PDB file of N, CA and C in Angstrom:
ATOM      1  N   UNK A   1     -12.021   5.355  -3.297  1.00  0.00           N
ATOM      2  CA  UNK A   1     -10.740   5.823  -2.876  1.00  0.00           C
ATOM      3  C   UNK A   1     -10.356   7.082  -3.862  1.00  0.00           C
ATOM      4  N   UNK A   2     -10.283   6.721  -5.307  1.00  0.00           N
ATOM      5  CA  UNK A   2     -10.521   8.002  -6.102  1.00  0.00           C
ATOM      6  C   UNK A   2     -11.370   9.165  -5.670  1.00  0.00           C
ATOM      7  N   UNK A   3     -12.681   8.781  -4.967  1.00  0.00           N
ATOM      8  CA  UNK A   3     -13.532  10.110  -4.870  1.00  0.00           C
ATOM      9  C   UNK A   3     -13.269  10.580  -3.566  1.00  0.00           C
ATOM     10  N   UNK A   4     -12.686   9.974  -2.513  1.00  0.00           N
ATOM     11  CA  UNK A   4     -12.170  10.537  -1.459  1.00  0.00           C
ATOM     12  C   UNK A   4     -10.885  11.630  -1.982  1.00  0.00           C
ATOM     13  N   UNK A   5     -10.026  11.151  -2.824  1.00  0.00           N
ATOM     14  CA  UNK A   5      -8.742  11.789  -3.428  1.00  0.00           C
ATOM     15  C   UNK A   5      -9.439  13.346  -4.120  1.00  0.00           C
ATOM     16  N   UNK A   6     -10.354  12.858  -4.977  1.00  0.00           N
ATOM     17  CA  UNK A   6     -11.008  14.377  -5.478  1.00  0.00           C
ATOM     18  C   UNK A   6     -11.616  15.193  -4.589  1.00  0.00           C
ATOM     19  N   UNK A   7     -12.174  14.601  -3.458  1.00  0.00           N
ATOM     20  CA  UNK A   7     -12.663  15.478  -2.367  1.00  0.00           C
ATOM     21  C   UNK A   7     -11.787  16.397  -1.702  1.00  0.00           C
ATOM     22  N   UNK A   8     -10.713  15.389  -1.339  1.00  0.00           N
ATOM     23  CA  UNK A   8      -9.583  16.387  -0.473  1.00  0.00           C
ATOM     24  C   UNK A   8      -9.113  17.304  -1.483  1.00  0.00           C
ATOM     25  N   UNK A   9      -8.669  16.890  -2.658  1.00  0.00           N
ATOM     26  CA  UNK A   9      -8.338  18.192  -3.802  1.00  0.00           C
ATOM     27  C   UNK A   9      -9.023  19.465  -3.906  1.00  0.00           C
ATOM     28  N   UNK A  10     -10.440  18.962  -3.983  1.00  0.00           N
ATOM     29  CA  UNK A  10     -11.358  20.087  -3.958  1.00  0.00           C
ATOM     30  C   UNK A  10     -11.346  20.756  -2.715  1.00  0.00           C
ATOM     31  N   UNK A  11     -10.964  20.512  -1.694  1.00  0.00           N
ATOM     32  CA  UNK A  11     -10.849  21.050  -0.089  1.00  0.00           C
ATOM     33  C   UNK A  11      -9.615  21.988  -0.049  1.00  0.00           C
ATOM     34  N   UNK A  12      -8.653  21.670  -1.179  1.00  0.00           N
ATOM     35  CA  UNK A  12      -7.568  22.353  -1.255  1.00  0.00           C
ATOM     36  C   UNK A  12      -6.210  21.649  -0.663  1.00  0.00           C
ATOM     37  N   UNK A  13      -6.347  20.521  -0.859  1.00  0.00           N
ATOM     38  CA  UNK A  13      -5.269  19.421  -0.493  1.00  0.00           C
ATOM     39  C   UNK A  13      -4.254  19.865  -1.400  1.00  0.00           C
ATOM     40  N   UNK A  14      -2.950  19.831  -0.938  1.00  0.00           N
ATOM     41  CA  UNK A  14      -1.807  20.027  -2.096  1.00  0.00           C
ATOM     42  C   UNK A  14      -1.419  18.931  -2.486  1.00  0.00           C
ATOM     43  N   UNK A  15      -0.952  17.873  -1.666  1.00  0.00           N
ATOM     44  CA  UNK A  15      -0.326  16.575  -2.057  1.00  0.00           C
ATOM     45  C   UNK A  15      -1.305  15.690  -1.452  1.00  0.00           C
ATOM     46  N   UNK A  16      -1.711  14.406  -2.117  1.00  0.00           N
ATOM     47  CA  UNK A  16      -2.312  13.398  -1.507  1.00  0.00           C
ATOM     48  C   UNK A  16      -1.736  12.277  -1.668  1.00  0.00           C
ATOM     49  N   UNK A  17      -1.794  11.482  -0.568  1.00  0.00           N
ATOM     50  CA  UNK A  17      -1.061  10.076  -0.368  1.00  0.00           C
ATOM     51  C   UNK A  17      -2.043   9.058   0.040  1.00  0.00           C
ATOM     52  N   UNK A  18      -1.734   7.681  -0.781  1.00  0.00           N
ATOM     53  CA  UNK A  18      -2.635   6.560  -0.283  1.00  0.00           C
ATOM     54  C   UNK A  18      -1.912   5.771   0.229  1.00  0.00           C
ATOM     55  N   UNK A  19      -2.472   4.759   1.089  1.00  0.00           N
ATOM     56  CA  UNK A  19      -1.780   3.648   1.763  1.00  0.00           C
ATOM     57  C   UNK A  19      -2.517   2.378   1.112  1.00  0.00           C
ATOM     58  N   UNK A  20      -1.969   1.282   0.965  1.00  0.00           N
ATOM     59  CA  UNK A  20      -3.224  -0.018   0.772  1.00  0.00           C
ATOM     60  C   UNK A  20      -2.175  -0.956   0.872  1.00  0.00           C
ATOM     61  N   UNK A  21      -2.939  -1.921   1.822  1.00  0.00           N
ATOM     62  CA  UNK A  21      -2.006  -3.158   2.156  1.00  0.00           C
ATOM     63  C   UNK A  21      -2.013  -4.242   0.804  1.00  0.00           C
ATOM     64  N   UNK A  22      -3.231  -4.768   0.339  1.00  0.00           N
ATOM     65  CA  UNK A  22      -2.983  -5.679  -0.774  1.00  0.00           C
ATOM     66  C   UNK A  22      -3.644  -4.922  -1.856  1.00  0.00           C
ATOM     67  N   UNK A  23      -2.325  -4.551  -2.930  1.00  0.00           N
ATOM     68  CA  UNK A  23      -2.703  -3.981  -4.125  1.00  0.00           C
ATOM     69  C   UNK A  23      -3.269  -4.786  -5.328  1.00  0.00           C
ATOM     70  N   UNK A  24      -4.813  -5.262  -5.107  1.00  0.00           N
ATOM     71  CA  UNK A  24      -5.019  -6.153  -6.239  1.00  0.00           C
ATOM     72  C   UNK A  24      -5.604  -5.148  -7.421  1.00  0.00           C
ATOM     73  N   UNK A  25      -5.848  -3.851  -7.360  1.00  0.00           N
ATOM     74  CA  UNK A  25      -6.205  -3.247  -8.621  1.00  0.00           C
ATOM     75  C   UNK A  25      -7.004  -3.818  -9.617  1.00  0.00           C
ATOM     76  N   UNK A  26      -8.152  -4.457  -9.243  1.00  0.00           N
ATOM     77  CA  UNK A  26      -8.960  -4.945 -10.475  1.00  0.00           C
ATOM     78  C   UNK A  26      -9.831  -4.044 -11.126  1.00  0.00           C
ATOM     79  N   UNK A  27     -10.169  -4.699 -12.218  1.00  0.00           N
ATOM     80  CA  UNK A  27     -10.905  -3.705 -13.181  1.00  0.00           C
ATOM     81  C   UNK A  27     -10.175  -2.630 -13.637  1.00  0.00           C
ATOM     82  N   UNK A  28     -10.877  -1.731 -13.664  1.00  0.00           N
ATOM     83  CA  UNK A  28     -10.193  -0.300 -14.056  1.00  0.00           C
ATOM     84  C   UNK A  28      -9.676   0.394 -13.060  1.00  0.00           C
ATOM     85  N   UNK A  29      -9.085  -0.143 -11.921  1.00  0.00           N
ATOM     86  CA  UNK A  29      -8.474   0.516 -10.762  1.00  0.00           C
ATOM     87  C   UNK A  29      -7.076   1.398 -11.536  1.00  0.00           C
ATOM     88  N   UNK A  30      -6.360   0.921 -12.087  1.00  0.00           N
ATOM     89  CA  UNK A  30      -5.149   1.351 -12.570  1.00  0.00           C
ATOM     90  C   UNK A  30      -5.321   2.517 -13.210  1.00  0.00           C
ATOM     91  N   UNK A  31      -6.201   2.718 -14.438  1.00  0.00           N
ATOM     92  CA  UNK A  31      -6.397   3.559 -14.890  1.00  0.00           C
ATOM     93  C   UNK A  31      -7.265   4.919 -14.122  1.00  0.00           C
ATOM     94  N   UNK A  32      -7.988   4.334 -13.368  1.00  0.00           N
ATOM     95  CA  UNK A  32      -8.688   5.259 -12.763  1.00  0.00           C
ATOM     96  C   UNK A  32      -7.608   6.244 -11.435  1.00  0.00           C
ATOM     97  N   UNK A  33      -6.558   5.549 -10.938  1.00  0.00           N
ATOM     98  CA  UNK A  33      -5.844   5.964 -10.060  1.00  0.00           C
ATOM     99  C   UNK A  33      -4.502   6.709 -10.694  1.00  0.00           C
ATOM    100  N   UNK A  34      -4.355   6.469 -12.171  1.00  0.00           N
ATOM    101  CA  UNK A  34      -3.397   7.303 -12.921  1.00  0.00           C
ATOM    102  C   UNK A  34      -4.311   8.499 -13.122  1.00  0.00           C
ATOM    103  N   UNK A  35      -5.479   8.832 -13.226  1.00  0.00           N
ATOM    104  CA  UNK A  35      -6.283   9.918 -13.335  1.00  0.00           C
ATOM    105  C   UNK A  35      -6.246  10.847 -12.175  1.00  0.00           C
ATOM    106  N   UNK A  36      -6.434  10.056 -11.099  1.00  0.00           N
ATOM    107  CA  UNK A  36      -6.787  10.994  -9.967  1.00  0.00           C
ATOM    108  C   UNK A  36      -5.828  11.532  -9.302  1.00  0.00           C
ATOM    109  N   UNK A  37      -5.906  12.717  -8.366  1.00  0.00           N
ATOM    110  CA  UNK A  37      -5.162  13.499  -8.000  1.00  0.00           C
ATOM    111  C   UNK A  37      -4.455  12.966  -6.785  1.00  0.00           C
ATOM    112  N   UNK A  38      -3.704  11.968  -7.180  1.00  0.00           N
ATOM    113  CA  UNK A  38      -2.836  11.771  -5.849  1.00  0.00           C
ATOM    114  C   UNK A  38      -1.062  11.685  -6.330  1.00  0.00           C
ATOM    115  N   UNK A  39      -0.579  11.864  -5.267  1.00  0.00           N
ATOM    116  CA  UNK A  39       0.903  12.061  -5.702  1.00  0.00           C
ATOM    117  C   UNK A  39       1.611  10.510  -5.584  1.00  0.00           C
ATOM    118  N   UNK A  40       1.362   9.835  -4.676  1.00  0.00           N
ATOM    119  CA  UNK A  40       1.778   8.768  -4.555  1.00  0.00           C
ATOM    120  C   UNK A  40       0.940   7.813  -3.935  1.00  0.00           C
ATOM    121  N   UNK A  41       1.027   6.404  -4.357  1.00  0.00           N
ATOM    122  CA  UNK A  41       0.254   5.110  -3.641  1.00  0.00           C
ATOM    123  C   UNK A  41       1.262   4.213  -3.062  1.00  0.00           C
ATOM    124  N   UNK A  42       1.348   4.062  -1.712  1.00  0.00           N
ATOM    125  CA  UNK A  42       2.273   2.984  -1.099  1.00  0.00           C
ATOM    126  C   UNK A  42       1.527   1.881  -0.886  1.00  0.00           C
ATOM    127  N   UNK A  43       1.967   0.829  -1.273  1.00  0.00           N
ATOM    128  CA  UNK A  43       1.380  -0.544  -1.018  1.00  0.00           C
ATOM    129  C   UNK A  43       2.731  -1.877  -0.538  1.00  0.00           C
ATOM    130  N   UNK A  44       2.061  -2.478   0.201  1.00  0.00           N
ATOM    131  CA  UNK A  44       2.926  -3.799   0.448  1.00  0.00           C
ATOM    132  C   UNK A  44       3.041  -4.713  -1.029  1.00  0.00           C
ATOM    133  N   UNK A  45       3.909  -5.345  -1.222  1.00  0.00           N
ATOM    134  CA  UNK A  45       4.178  -6.224  -2.012  1.00  0.00           C
ATOM    135  C   UNK A  45       3.517  -7.757  -1.760  1.00  0.00           C
ATOM    136  N   UNK A  46       2.651  -7.821  -1.032  1.00  0.00           N
ATOM    137  CA  UNK A  46       1.945  -9.208  -0.535  1.00  0.00           C
ATOM    138  C   UNK A  46       1.223  -9.802  -1.608  1.00  0.00           C
ATOM    139  N   UNK A  47       0.953  -9.058  -2.512  1.00  0.00           N
ATOM    140  CA  UNK A  47       0.157  -9.620  -3.960  1.00  0.00           C
ATOM    141  C   UNK A  47       1.153  -9.258  -5.218  1.00  0.00           C
ATOM    142  N   UNK A  48       1.212 -10.574  -5.581  1.00  0.00           N
ATOM    143  CA  UNK A  48       1.934 -10.371  -6.971  1.00  0.00           C
ATOM    144  C   UNK A  48       1.162  -9.740  -8.033  1.00  0.00           C
ATOM    145  N   UNK A  49       1.793  -8.777  -8.587  1.00  0.00           N
ATOM    146  CA  UNK A  49       1.214  -7.455  -9.661  1.00  0.00           C
ATOM    147  C   UNK A  49       1.981  -8.082 -10.778  1.00  0.00           C
ATOM    148  N   UNK A  50       0.958  -8.220 -11.944  1.00  0.00           N
ATOM    149  CA  UNK A  50       1.619  -8.245 -13.291  1.00  0.00           C
ATOM    150  C   UNK A  50       2.277  -7.002 -13.459  1.00  0.00           C
ATOM    151  N   UNK A  51       3.153  -6.931 -14.773  1.00  0.00           N
ATOM    152  CA  UNK A  51       3.713  -5.506 -15.116  1.00  0.00           C
ATOM    153  C   UNK A  51       2.490  -4.448 -15.751  1.00  0.00           C
ATOM    154  N   UNK A  52       1.747  -4.659 -16.044  1.00  0.00           N
ATOM    155  CA  UNK A  52       0.553  -4.007 -16.612  1.00  0.00           C
ATOM    156  C   UNK A  52      -0.319  -3.214 -15.327  1.00  0.00           C
ATOM    157  N   UNK A  53      -0.082  -3.462 -14.141  1.00  0.00           N
ATOM    158  CA  UNK A  53      -0.540  -2.889 -13.055  1.00  0.00           C
ATOM    159  C   UNK A  53       0.363  -2.146 -12.502  1.00  0.00           C
ATOM    160  N   UNK A  54       1.645  -2.075 -12.830  1.00  0.00           N
ATOM    161  CA  UNK A  54       2.663  -1.467 -11.821  1.00  0.00           C
ATOM    162  C   UNK A  54       2.639  -0.134 -12.750  1.00  0.00           C
ATOM    163  N   UNK A  55       2.738   1.168 -12.189  1.00  0.00           N
ATOM    164  CA  UNK A  55       2.721   2.579 -12.500  1.00  0.00           C
ATOM    165  C   UNK A  55       3.341   3.673 -11.709  1.00  0.00           C
ATOM    166  N   UNK A  56       3.677   4.315 -12.673  1.00  0.00           N
ATOM    167  CA  UNK A  56       4.445   5.469 -11.741  1.00  0.00           C
ATOM    168  C   UNK A  56       4.149   5.876 -10.562  1.00  0.00           C
ATOM    169  N   UNK A  57       2.672   6.213  -9.951  1.00  0.00           N
ATOM    170  CA  UNK A  57       2.430   6.501  -8.897  1.00  0.00           C
ATOM    171  C   UNK A  57       2.879   5.770  -7.535  1.00  0.00           C
ATOM    172  N   UNK A  58       3.078   4.279  -8.051  1.00  0.00           N
ATOM    173  CA  UNK A  58       3.023   3.190  -7.290  1.00  0.00           C
ATOM    174  C   UNK A  58       4.403   2.996  -6.458  1.00  0.00           C
ATOM    175  N   UNK A  59       4.476   2.843  -5.201  1.00  0.00           N
ATOM    176  CA  UNK A  59       5.762   2.390  -4.583  1.00  0.00           C
ATOM    177  C   UNK A  59       5.131   1.199  -3.746  1.00  0.00           C
ATOM    178  N   UNK A  60       6.155   0.195  -4.082  1.00  0.00           N
ATOM    179  CA  UNK A  60       5.807  -0.800  -3.245  1.00  0.00           C
ATOM    180  C   UNK A  60       6.998  -1.147  -2.108  1.00  0.00           C
ATOM    181  N   UNK A  61       6.393  -1.668  -0.805  1.00  0.00           N
ATOM    182  CA  UNK A  61       7.226  -1.871   0.075  1.00  0.00           C
ATOM    183  C   UNK A  61       7.002  -3.517   0.227  1.00  0.00           C
ATOM    184  N   UNK A  62       8.383  -3.892   0.749  1.00  0.00           N
ATOM    185  CA  UNK A  62       8.404  -5.271   1.081  1.00  0.00           C
ATOM    186  C   UNK A  62       7.988  -5.587   2.458  1.00  0.00           C
ATOM    187  N   UNK A  63       7.283  -6.440   2.314  1.00  0.00           N
ATOM    188  CA  UNK A  63       6.695  -7.135   4.043  1.00  0.00           C
ATOM    189  C   UNK A  63       7.815  -8.316   4.330  1.00  0.00           C
ATOM    190  N   UNK A  64       8.978  -8.702   3.493  1.00  0.00           N
ATOM    191  CA  UNK A  64       9.759  -9.729   3.733  1.00  0.00           C
ATOM    192  C   UNK A  64      10.222  -9.394   5.429  1.00  0.00           C
ATOM    193  N   UNK A  65      10.702  -8.077   5.718  1.00  0.00           N
ATOM    194  CA  UNK A  65      11.376  -8.278   7.191  1.00  0.00           C
ATOM    195  C   UNK A  65      10.578  -8.469   8.297  1.00  0.00           C
ATOM    196  N   UNK A  66       9.271  -7.874   8.027  1.00  0.00           N
ATOM    197  CA  UNK A  66       8.138  -8.271   8.990  1.00  0.00           C
ATOM    198  C   UNK A  66       7.965  -9.690   9.369  1.00  0.00           C
ATOM    199  N   UNK A  67       7.687 -10.333   7.946  1.00  0.00           N
ATOM    200  CA  UNK A  67       7.500 -11.811   8.124  1.00  0.00           C
ATOM    201  C   UNK A  67       8.631 -12.564   8.598  1.00  0.00           C
ATOM    202  N   UNK A  68       9.688 -12.439   8.396  1.00  0.00           N
ATOM    203  CA  UNK A  68      10.897 -12.721   8.963  1.00  0.00           C
ATOM    204  C   UNK A  68      11.018 -12.653  10.528  1.00  0.00           C
ATOM    205  N   UNK A  69      10.809 -11.583  10.737  1.00  0.00           N
ATOM    206  CA  UNK A  69      10.744 -11.299  12.192  1.00  0.00           C
ATOM    207  C   UNK A  69       9.583 -11.935  12.928  1.00  0.00           C
ATOM    208  N   UNK A  70       8.645 -12.128  12.270  1.00  0.00           N
ATOM    209  CA  UNK A  70       7.378 -12.844  12.904  1.00  0.00           C
ATOM    210  C   UNK A  70       7.737 -14.252  13.325  1.00  0.00           C
ATOM    211  N   UNK A  71       8.205 -14.830  12.161  1.00  0.00           N
ATOM    212  CA  UNK A  71       8.743 -16.151  12.151  1.00  0.00           C
ATOM    213  C   UNK A  71      10.037 -16.507  13.216  1.00  0.00           C
ATOM    214  N   UNK A  72      10.777 -15.667  13.235  1.00  0.00           N
ATOM    215  CA  UNK A  72      11.833 -15.790  14.313  1.00  0.00           C
ATOM    216  C   UNK A  72      11.218 -15.528  15.671  1.00  0.00           C
ATOM    217  N   UNK A  73      10.555 -15.049  15.933  1.00  0.00           N
ATOM    218  CA  UNK A  73       9.551 -14.748  17.273  1.00  0.00           C
ATOM    219  C   UNK A  73       9.000 -16.186  17.590  1.00  0.00           C
ATOM    220  N   UNK A  74       8.232 -16.440  16.627  1.00  0.00           N
ATOM    221  CA  UNK A  74       7.399 -17.895  16.704  1.00  0.00           C
ATOM    222  C   UNK A  74       8.660 -18.807  17.332  1.00  0.00           C
ATOM    223  N   UNK A  75       9.263 -19.020  16.319  1.00  0.00           N
ATOM    224  CA  UNK A  75      10.465 -19.988  16.780  1.00  0.00           C
ATOM    225  C   UNK A  75      11.284 -19.780  18.137  1.00  0.00           C
ATOM    226  N   UNK A  76      11.264 -18.909  18.262  1.00  0.00           N
ATOM    227  CA  UNK A  76      12.192 -18.635  19.590  1.00  0.00           C
ATOM    228  C   UNK A  76      11.133 -18.458  20.915  1.00  0.00           C
ATOM    229  N   UNK A  77       9.799 -18.491  20.523  1.00  0.00           N
ATOM    230  CA  UNK A  77       8.636 -18.544  21.689  1.00  0.00           C
ATOM    231  C   UNK A  77       8.483 -17.021  22.045  1.00  0.00           C
ATOM    232  N   UNK A  78       8.835 -16.099  21.606  1.00  0.00           N
ATOM    233  CA  UNK A  78       8.719 -14.654  21.711  1.00  0.00           C
ATOM    234  C   UNK A  78       7.241 -14.037  21.247  1.00  0.00           C
ATOM    235  N   UNK A  79       6.696 -13.285  21.709  1.00  0.00           N
ATOM    236  CA  UNK A  79       5.632 -12.764  21.563  1.00  0.00           C
ATOM    237  C   UNK A  79       5.444 -12.343  20.169  1.00  0.00           C
ATOM    238  N   UNK A  80       4.531 -12.387  19.285  1.00  0.00           N
ATOM    239  CA  UNK A  80       4.420 -11.641  18.078  1.00  0.00           C
ATOM    240  C   UNK A  80       3.653 -10.223  18.449  1.00  0.00           C
ATOM    241  N   UNK A  81       2.609 -10.401  19.340  1.00  0.00           N
ATOM    242  CA  UNK A  81       1.876  -9.360  19.609  1.00  0.00           C
ATOM    243  C   UNK A  81       2.755  -8.293  20.101  1.00  0.00           C
ATOM    244  N   UNK A  82       3.569  -8.167  20.773  1.00  0.00           N
ATOM    245  CA  UNK A  82       4.301  -7.288  21.233  1.00  0.00           C
ATOM    246  C   UNK A  82       5.329  -6.619  20.037  1.00  0.00           C
ATOM    247  N   UNK A  83       5.587  -7.190  19.227  1.00  0.00           N
ATOM    248  CA  UNK A  83       5.962  -6.830  17.899  1.00  0.00           C
ATOM    249  C   UNK A  83       5.596  -5.244  17.730  1.00  0.00           C
ATOM    250  N   UNK A  84       4.307  -5.415  17.468  1.00  0.00           N
ATOM    251  CA  UNK A  84       3.275  -4.320  17.298  1.00  0.00           C
ATOM    252  C   UNK A  84       3.223  -3.161  18.087  1.00  0.00           C
ATOM    253  N   UNK A  85       3.698  -3.332  19.621  1.00  0.00           N
ATOM    254  CA  UNK A  85       3.812  -2.436  20.618  1.00  0.00           C
ATOM    255  C   UNK A  85       4.896  -1.574  20.448  1.00  0.00           C
ATOM    256  N   UNK A  86       6.260  -1.931  19.874  1.00  0.00           N
ATOM    257  CA  UNK A  86       7.408  -1.483  19.910  1.00  0.00           C
ATOM    258  C   UNK A  86       7.315  -0.003  18.754  1.00  0.00           C
TER     259      UNK A  86
END
């Protein structure tokens, strides 16, 4: 991901944003992302992160509303698949 960001920057990108689903950030990932030419990384909160893996470029979005809607639809017998067509 960092190599892709560096490539985009070298090609003239002004602002680079990244999106991830499960922000594991193993090994040196946080240090690399802090040095990367990325303005913001948006991730879900599907994985619990310790404080040392939270950093200023990271924005975490709650998946609670989505999970609640899926549970509601299952309970009422409404299609979950249609949720993603809306």
